[in-house]
């Protein structure tokens, strides 16, 4: 038996790169940063934060969701599997890439509109009870 399962919780490094293939299948790529917090050892040595960058790949409906709702700085929880591939660059040098093919995702950031959004701010939904009726939220 073998298992290839990855769980990541981190922050999106840049807006997703989304494209549609010839057969109308959507694919989205983005980078996710995960950080191990630094600490001070008992002898006073400072160990700095360590950030790892992960290349994530989303397909089909999940990619379309990423296109609509995920932006740089958002916090994401993803589950997927590790895939390695190689290619020859323009100079004939073999390059290696490690990617996470995402199976499921949870968006953990609030859904705020982007500052450059033409829609402007979205009003908060009305809470039950409303103002001044004595019912706490």
N, C-alpha and C. Protein backbone atom coordinates (compact mmCIF):
# COMPACT_ATOMS: atom_id res chain seq x y z
N UNK A 1 0.84 -1.18 0.00
CA UNK A 1 0.00 0.00 0.00
C UNK A 1 0.89 1.24 0.00
N UNK A 2 0.42 2.30 -0.64
CA UNK A 2 1.13 3.57 -0.62
C UNK A 2 0.13 4.72 -0.56
N UNK A 3 0.60 5.86 -0.08
CA UNK A 3 -0.25 7.03 0.08
C UNK A 3 0.51 8.24 -0.42
N UNK A 4 -0.14 9.06 -1.21
CA UNK A 4 0.41 10.32 -1.67
C UNK A 4 -0.63 11.39 -1.34
N UNK A 5 -0.55 11.96 -0.15
CA UNK A 5 -1.54 12.91 0.34
C UNK A 5 -0.82 14.10 0.97
N UNK A 6 -1.24 15.31 0.62
CA UNK A 6 -0.65 16.54 1.13
C UNK A 6 -1.74 17.39 1.75
N UNK A 7 -1.46 17.98 2.92
CA UNK A 7 -2.34 18.93 3.58
C UNK A 7 -1.54 20.21 3.78
N UNK A 8 -2.02 21.33 3.27
CA UNK A 8 -1.32 22.60 3.41
C UNK A 8 -2.27 23.68 3.88
N UNK A 9 -1.78 24.55 4.75
CA UNK A 9 -2.51 25.72 5.21
C UNK A 9 -1.54 26.88 5.09
N UNK A 10 -1.90 27.85 4.24
CA UNK A 10 -0.96 28.95 4.02
C UNK A 10 -1.62 30.11 3.32
N UNK A 11 -0.77 31.03 2.83
CA UNK A 11 -1.23 32.25 2.18
C UNK A 11 -0.85 32.26 0.71
N UNK A 12 -1.80 32.71 -0.11
CA UNK A 12 -1.59 32.78 -1.55
C UNK A 12 -0.55 33.85 -1.86
N UNK A 13 0.45 33.50 -2.67
CA UNK A 13 1.56 34.42 -2.95
C UNK A 13 1.29 35.40 -4.07
N UNK A 14 0.42 35.05 -5.02
CA UNK A 14 0.08 35.94 -6.12
C UNK A 14 -1.28 35.53 -6.66
N UNK A 15 -1.91 36.43 -7.41
CA UNK A 15 -3.19 36.08 -8.01
C UNK A 15 -3.03 34.86 -8.90
N UNK A 16 -4.06 34.02 -8.97
CA UNK A 16 -3.96 32.79 -9.76
C UNK A 16 -3.73 33.08 -11.25
N UNK A 17 -2.99 32.19 -11.88
CA UNK A 17 -2.82 32.21 -13.33
C UNK A 17 -3.81 31.19 -13.87
N UNK A 18 -4.85 31.67 -14.55
CA UNK A 18 -5.94 30.80 -15.01
C UNK A 18 -5.95 30.77 -16.54
N UNK A 19 -6.11 29.58 -17.09
CA UNK A 19 -6.23 29.45 -18.54
C UNK A 19 -7.22 28.33 -18.86
N UNK A 20 -7.77 28.43 -20.06
CA UNK A 20 -8.71 27.42 -20.54
C UNK A 20 -8.05 26.67 -21.69
N UNK A 21 -8.03 25.36 -21.60
CA UNK A 21 -7.44 24.53 -22.64
C UNK A 21 -8.38 24.45 -23.84
N UNK A 22 -7.91 23.89 -24.95
CA UNK A 22 -8.70 23.80 -26.18
C UNK A 22 -10.04 23.12 -25.97
N UNK A 23 -10.10 22.16 -25.06
CA UNK A 23 -11.35 21.43 -24.81
C UNK A 23 -12.20 22.10 -23.72
N UNK A 24 -11.94 23.39 -23.45
CA UNK A 24 -12.69 24.21 -22.49
C UNK A 24 -12.52 23.78 -21.05
N UNK A 25 -11.45 23.07 -20.76
CA UNK A 25 -11.16 22.66 -19.39
C UNK A 25 -10.34 23.78 -18.74
N UNK A 26 -10.76 24.20 -17.55
CA UNK A 26 -10.09 25.28 -16.83
C UNK A 26 -8.97 24.71 -15.96
N UNK A 27 -7.81 25.38 -15.97
CA UNK A 27 -6.70 25.02 -15.08
C UNK A 27 -6.18 26.31 -14.46
N UNK A 28 -5.94 26.27 -13.15
CA UNK A 28 -5.44 27.43 -12.42
C UNK A 28 -4.17 27.03 -11.66
N UNK A 29 -3.19 27.92 -11.70
CA UNK A 29 -1.94 27.72 -10.96
C UNK A 29 -1.74 28.89 -10.02
N UNK A 30 -1.23 28.59 -8.82
CA UNK A 30 -0.87 29.66 -7.89
C UNK A 30 0.20 29.14 -6.94
N UNK A 31 0.82 30.06 -6.24
CA UNK A 31 1.81 29.67 -5.23
C UNK A 31 1.21 29.88 -3.85
N UNK A 32 1.56 28.99 -2.93
CA UNK A 32 1.09 29.06 -1.55
C UNK A 32 2.30 29.05 -0.63
N UNK A 33 2.33 29.98 0.31
CA UNK A 33 3.43 30.07 1.28
C UNK A 33 3.00 29.45 2.59
N UNK A 34 3.83 28.54 3.12
CA UNK A 34 3.63 28.02 4.46
C UNK A 34 4.86 28.40 5.28
N UNK A 35 4.64 28.82 6.52
CA UNK A 35 5.75 29.32 7.33
C UNK A 35 5.83 28.59 8.66
N UNK A 36 7.02 28.09 8.96
CA UNK A 36 7.32 27.56 10.29
C UNK A 36 7.85 28.73 11.09
N UNK A 37 7.23 29.04 12.20
CA UNK A 37 7.62 30.20 13.01
C UNK A 37 8.99 30.01 13.64
N UNK A 38 9.73 31.09 13.69
CA UNK A 38 11.04 31.07 14.33
C UNK A 38 10.90 31.02 15.85
N UNK A 39 12.02 30.86 16.51
CA UNK A 39 12.01 30.77 17.97
C UNK A 39 13.39 31.12 18.50
N UNK A 40 13.45 31.27 19.81
CA UNK A 40 14.72 31.49 20.48
C UNK A 40 15.07 30.24 21.28
N UNK A 41 16.23 29.65 20.99
CA UNK A 41 16.68 28.46 21.71
C UNK A 41 17.06 28.82 23.14
N UNK A 42 17.18 27.82 24.00
CA UNK A 42 17.51 28.06 25.41
C UNK A 42 18.84 28.77 25.58
N UNK A 43 19.75 28.56 24.63
CA UNK A 43 21.05 29.22 24.74
C UNK A 43 21.03 30.64 24.16
N UNK A 44 19.85 31.11 23.73
CA UNK A 44 19.71 32.48 23.21
C UNK A 44 19.83 32.60 21.71
N UNK A 45 20.11 31.51 21.02
CA UNK A 45 20.24 31.55 19.57
C UNK A 45 18.88 31.80 18.93
N UNK A 46 18.83 32.78 18.03
CA UNK A 46 17.59 33.10 17.31
C UNK A 46 17.49 32.23 16.07
N UNK A 47 16.39 31.49 15.94
CA UNK A 47 16.11 30.71 14.74
C UNK A 47 15.01 31.45 13.99
N UNK A 48 15.29 31.93 12.77
CA UNK A 48 14.31 32.74 12.04
C UNK A 48 13.15 31.91 11.49
N UNK A 49 12.08 32.62 11.08
CA UNK A 49 10.98 31.96 10.38
C UNK A 49 11.52 31.28 9.13
N UNK A 50 10.87 30.18 8.74
CA UNK A 50 11.25 29.50 7.51
C UNK A 50 10.01 29.34 6.64
N UNK A 51 10.03 29.98 5.48
CA UNK A 51 8.89 29.94 4.57
C UNK A 51 9.19 29.01 3.40
N UNK A 52 8.25 28.12 3.11
CA UNK A 52 8.33 27.24 1.95
C UNK A 52 7.26 27.68 0.95
N UNK A 53 7.60 27.66 -0.33
CA UNK A 53 6.65 28.01 -1.39
C UNK A 53 6.25 26.74 -2.13
N UNK A 54 4.94 26.60 -2.35
CA UNK A 54 4.39 25.42 -3.00
C UNK A 54 3.65 25.83 -4.27
N UNK A 55 3.86 25.09 -5.34
CA UNK A 55 3.15 25.32 -6.60
C UNK A 55 1.88 24.47 -6.60
N UNK A 56 0.72 25.13 -6.67
CA UNK A 56 -0.56 24.42 -6.64
C UNK A 56 -1.19 24.42 -8.02
N UNK A 57 -1.82 23.30 -8.38
CA UNK A 57 -2.53 23.17 -9.65
C UNK A 57 -3.97 22.76 -9.36
N UNK A 58 -4.92 23.51 -9.90
CA UNK A 58 -6.36 23.24 -9.74
C UNK A 58 -6.93 22.95 -11.12
N UNK A 59 -7.87 22.02 -11.19
CA UNK A 59 -8.49 21.64 -12.46
C UNK A 59 -10.00 21.82 -12.42
N UNK A 60 -10.58 22.05 -13.58
CA UNK A 60 -12.02 22.09 -13.85
C UNK A 60 -12.78 23.02 -12.91
N UNK A 61 -13.81 22.52 -12.23
CA UNK A 61 -14.66 23.36 -11.39
C UNK A 61 -13.91 24.03 -10.26
N UNK A 62 -12.96 23.32 -9.68
CA UNK A 62 -12.15 23.90 -8.60
C UNK A 62 -11.33 25.08 -9.14
N UNK A 63 -10.82 24.94 -10.36
CA UNK A 63 -10.06 26.03 -10.98
C UNK A 63 -10.96 27.24 -11.25
N UNK A 64 -12.19 27.00 -11.65
CA UNK A 64 -13.12 28.10 -11.89
C UNK A 64 -13.45 28.83 -10.58
N UNK A 65 -13.58 28.09 -9.49
CA UNK A 65 -13.80 28.70 -8.18
C UNK A 65 -12.60 29.56 -7.79
N UNK A 66 -11.40 29.03 -8.01
CA UNK A 66 -10.18 29.78 -7.71
C UNK A 66 -10.15 31.07 -8.52
N UNK A 67 -10.51 30.99 -9.79
CA UNK A 67 -10.51 32.17 -10.67
C UNK A 67 -11.42 33.27 -10.11
N UNK A 68 -12.57 32.90 -9.59
CA UNK A 68 -13.55 33.87 -9.12
C UNK A 68 -13.24 34.43 -7.73
N UNK A 69 -12.73 33.60 -6.82
CA UNK A 69 -12.72 33.97 -5.41
C UNK A 69 -11.35 34.06 -4.74
N UNK A 70 -10.30 33.53 -5.33
CA UNK A 70 -9.01 33.47 -4.64
C UNK A 70 -8.09 34.56 -5.18
N UNK A 71 -7.47 35.29 -4.24
CA UNK A 71 -6.59 36.40 -4.59
C UNK A 71 -5.34 36.37 -3.74
N UNK A 72 -4.34 37.11 -4.17
CA UNK A 72 -3.09 37.22 -3.43
C UNK A 72 -3.38 37.59 -1.97
N UNK A 73 -2.72 36.90 -1.04
CA UNK A 73 -2.87 37.17 0.39
C UNK A 73 -3.93 36.35 1.08
N UNK A 74 -4.84 35.73 0.32
CA UNK A 74 -5.89 34.91 0.94
C UNK A 74 -5.28 33.70 1.64
N UNK A 75 -5.95 33.28 2.70
CA UNK A 75 -5.53 32.08 3.43
C UNK A 75 -6.33 30.90 2.89
N UNK A 76 -5.60 29.82 2.53
CA UNK A 76 -6.23 28.62 1.98
C UNK A 76 -5.78 27.38 2.74
N UNK A 77 -6.70 26.43 2.83
CA UNK A 77 -6.38 25.07 3.28
C UNK A 77 -6.64 24.18 2.07
N UNK A 78 -5.66 23.39 1.67
CA UNK A 78 -5.82 22.51 0.51
C UNK A 78 -5.40 21.09 0.85
N UNK A 79 -6.00 20.15 0.15
CA UNK A 79 -5.61 18.75 0.20
C UNK A 79 -5.37 18.31 -1.23
N UNK A 80 -4.31 17.53 -1.42
CA UNK A 80 -4.01 17.06 -2.76
C UNK A 80 -2.90 16.04 -2.75
N UNK A 81 -2.23 15.90 -3.89
CA UNK A 81 -1.15 14.93 -4.03
C UNK A 81 0.04 15.60 -4.71
N UNK A 82 1.23 15.08 -4.42
CA UNK A 82 2.47 15.61 -4.98
C UNK A 82 2.71 14.99 -6.35
N UNK A 83 3.08 15.83 -7.30
CA UNK A 83 3.46 15.37 -8.63
C UNK A 83 4.79 16.03 -9.00
N UNK A 84 5.69 15.26 -9.54
CA UNK A 84 6.97 15.78 -10.02
C UNK A 84 7.02 15.62 -11.53
N UNK A 85 7.60 16.60 -12.20
CA UNK A 85 7.79 16.52 -13.64
C UNK A 85 9.08 17.23 -14.01
N UNK A 86 9.55 16.98 -15.21
CA UNK A 86 10.75 17.65 -15.69
C UNK A 86 10.53 18.09 -17.13
N UNK A 87 11.30 19.07 -17.54
CA UNK A 87 11.25 19.55 -18.92
C UNK A 87 12.61 20.14 -19.26
N UNK A 88 12.87 20.31 -20.54
CA UNK A 88 14.10 20.95 -21.00
C UNK A 88 13.78 22.40 -21.32
N UNK A 89 14.54 23.33 -20.72
CA UNK A 89 14.29 24.75 -20.97
C UNK A 89 14.84 25.15 -22.35
N UNK A 90 14.77 26.44 -22.68
CA UNK A 90 15.18 26.93 -24.00
C UNK A 90 16.65 26.65 -24.29
N UNK A 91 17.46 26.54 -23.24
CA UNK A 91 18.89 26.28 -23.41
C UNK A 91 19.23 24.80 -23.34
N UNK A 92 18.20 23.96 -23.28
CA UNK A 92 18.44 22.52 -23.24
C UNK A 92 18.78 21.98 -21.85
N UNK A 93 18.62 22.81 -20.81
CA UNK A 93 18.90 22.39 -19.44
C UNK A 93 17.66 21.73 -18.86
N UNK A 94 17.83 20.56 -18.27
CA UNK A 94 16.70 19.85 -17.67
C UNK A 94 16.29 20.55 -16.38
N UNK A 95 15.02 20.89 -16.28
CA UNK A 95 14.45 21.55 -15.10
C UNK A 95 13.45 20.60 -14.45
N UNK A 96 13.38 20.67 -13.12
CA UNK A 96 12.47 19.82 -12.36
C UNK A 96 11.47 20.70 -11.62
N UNK A 97 10.22 20.25 -11.60
CA UNK A 97 9.14 21.00 -10.95
C UNK A 97 8.38 20.05 -10.04
N UNK A 98 8.11 20.50 -8.82
CA UNK A 98 7.25 19.76 -7.90
C UNK A 98 5.96 20.57 -7.74
N UNK A 99 4.82 19.91 -7.95
CA UNK A 99 3.53 20.58 -7.88
C UNK A 99 2.59 19.79 -6.97
N UNK A 100 1.63 20.51 -6.42
CA UNK A 100 0.55 19.88 -5.65
C UNK A 100 -0.70 19.95 -6.50
N UNK A 101 -1.23 18.79 -6.90
CA UNK A 101 -2.49 18.73 -7.63
C UNK A 101 -3.59 18.70 -6.56
N UNK A 102 -4.36 19.77 -6.49
CA UNK A 102 -5.33 19.97 -5.41
C UNK A 102 -6.62 19.21 -5.70
N UNK A 103 -7.07 18.44 -4.69
CA UNK A 103 -8.33 17.69 -4.77
C UNK A 103 -9.47 18.45 -4.10
N UNK A 104 -9.16 19.16 -2.99
CA UNK A 104 -10.18 19.92 -2.28
C UNK A 104 -9.54 21.14 -1.64
N UNK A 105 -10.38 22.14 -1.36
CA UNK A 105 -9.89 23.42 -0.88
C UNK A 105 -10.92 24.05 0.05
N UNK A 106 -10.41 24.75 1.08
CA UNK A 106 -11.25 25.57 1.96
C UNK A 106 -10.69 26.98 1.92
N UNK A 107 -11.53 27.96 1.61
CA UNK A 107 -11.11 29.36 1.63
C UNK A 107 -11.32 29.89 3.04
N UNK A 108 -10.27 30.37 3.68
CA UNK A 108 -10.34 30.77 5.07
C UNK A 108 -10.33 32.28 5.27
N UNK A 109 -10.17 33.04 4.21
CA UNK A 109 -10.19 34.50 4.30
C UNK A 109 -11.62 34.98 4.12
N UNK A 110 -11.91 36.16 4.69
CA UNK A 110 -13.23 36.74 4.48
C UNK A 110 -13.34 37.14 3.01
N UNK A 111 -14.53 37.15 2.50
CA UNK A 111 -14.74 37.45 1.08
C UNK A 111 -14.87 38.95 0.88
N UNK A 112 -13.79 39.65 0.99
CA UNK A 112 -13.77 41.08 0.75
C UNK A 112 -13.52 41.33 -0.73
N UNK A 113 -14.18 42.34 -1.31
CA UNK A 113 -13.89 42.64 -2.71
C UNK A 113 -12.48 43.19 -2.84
N UNK A 114 -11.87 42.96 -3.97
CA UNK A 114 -10.55 43.50 -4.21
C UNK A 114 -10.64 45.02 -4.28
N UNK A 115 -9.60 45.74 -3.85
CA UNK A 115 -9.62 47.20 -3.88
C UNK A 115 -9.87 47.76 -5.27
N UNK A 116 -9.43 47.07 -6.31
CA UNK A 116 -9.61 47.56 -7.67
C UNK A 116 -10.90 47.06 -8.31
N UNK A 117 -11.77 46.44 -7.50
CA UNK A 117 -13.02 45.91 -8.01
C UNK A 117 -13.96 47.03 -8.45
N UNK A 118 -14.56 46.95 -9.65
CA UNK A 118 -15.48 47.99 -10.09
C UNK A 118 -16.78 48.00 -9.30
N UNK A 119 -17.07 46.93 -8.58
CA UNK A 119 -18.32 46.83 -7.82
C UNK A 119 -18.26 47.63 -6.53
N UNK A 120 -17.08 47.95 -6.05
CA UNK A 120 -16.95 48.67 -4.79
C UNK A 120 -17.27 47.77 -3.62
N UNK A 121 -17.44 48.36 -2.43
CA UNK A 121 -17.68 47.55 -1.24
C UNK A 121 -19.04 46.86 -1.29
N UNK A 122 -19.09 45.69 -0.72
CA UNK A 122 -20.33 44.93 -0.63
C UNK A 122 -20.89 45.10 0.77
N UNK A 123 -22.16 45.51 0.91
CA UNK A 123 -22.72 45.69 2.25
C UNK A 123 -22.81 44.37 2.99
N UNK A 124 -22.63 44.44 4.31
CA UNK A 124 -22.74 43.24 5.14
C UNK A 124 -24.18 42.77 5.15
N UNK A 125 -24.41 41.46 5.23
CA UNK A 125 -25.79 40.97 5.30
C UNK A 125 -26.46 41.42 6.58
N UNK A 126 -27.75 41.67 6.49
CA UNK A 126 -28.49 42.13 7.66
C UNK A 126 -28.57 41.01 8.69
N UNK A 127 -28.29 41.35 9.94
CA UNK A 127 -28.32 40.37 11.02
C UNK A 127 -29.75 40.21 11.54
N UNK A 128 -30.10 39.01 12.01
CA UNK A 128 -31.44 38.83 12.58
C UNK A 128 -31.59 39.69 13.83
N UNK A 129 -32.78 40.20 14.00
CA UNK A 129 -33.04 41.02 15.18
C UNK A 129 -32.90 42.49 14.89
N UNK A 130 -31.92 42.88 14.10
CA UNK A 130 -31.74 44.28 13.74
C UNK A 130 -31.32 45.13 14.92
N UNK A 131 -31.34 46.43 14.70
CA UNK A 131 -30.88 47.38 15.70
C UNK A 131 -32.00 47.78 16.64
N UNK A 132 -31.70 47.95 17.90
CA UNK A 132 -32.63 48.55 18.86
C UNK A 132 -33.79 47.69 19.29
N UNK A 133 -33.80 46.40 18.99
CA UNK A 133 -34.94 45.58 19.41
C UNK A 133 -34.63 44.73 20.64
N UNK A 134 -33.43 44.91 21.20
CA UNK A 134 -33.07 44.19 22.40
C UNK A 134 -32.60 42.76 22.19
N UNK A 135 -32.56 42.31 20.97
CA UNK A 135 -32.10 40.95 20.70
C UNK A 135 -30.62 40.99 20.37
N UNK A 136 -29.78 40.37 21.21
CA UNK A 136 -28.35 40.39 20.91
C UNK A 136 -28.02 39.48 19.73
N UNK A 137 -26.98 39.81 19.03
CA UNK A 137 -26.56 38.98 17.89
C UNK A 137 -25.71 37.86 18.43
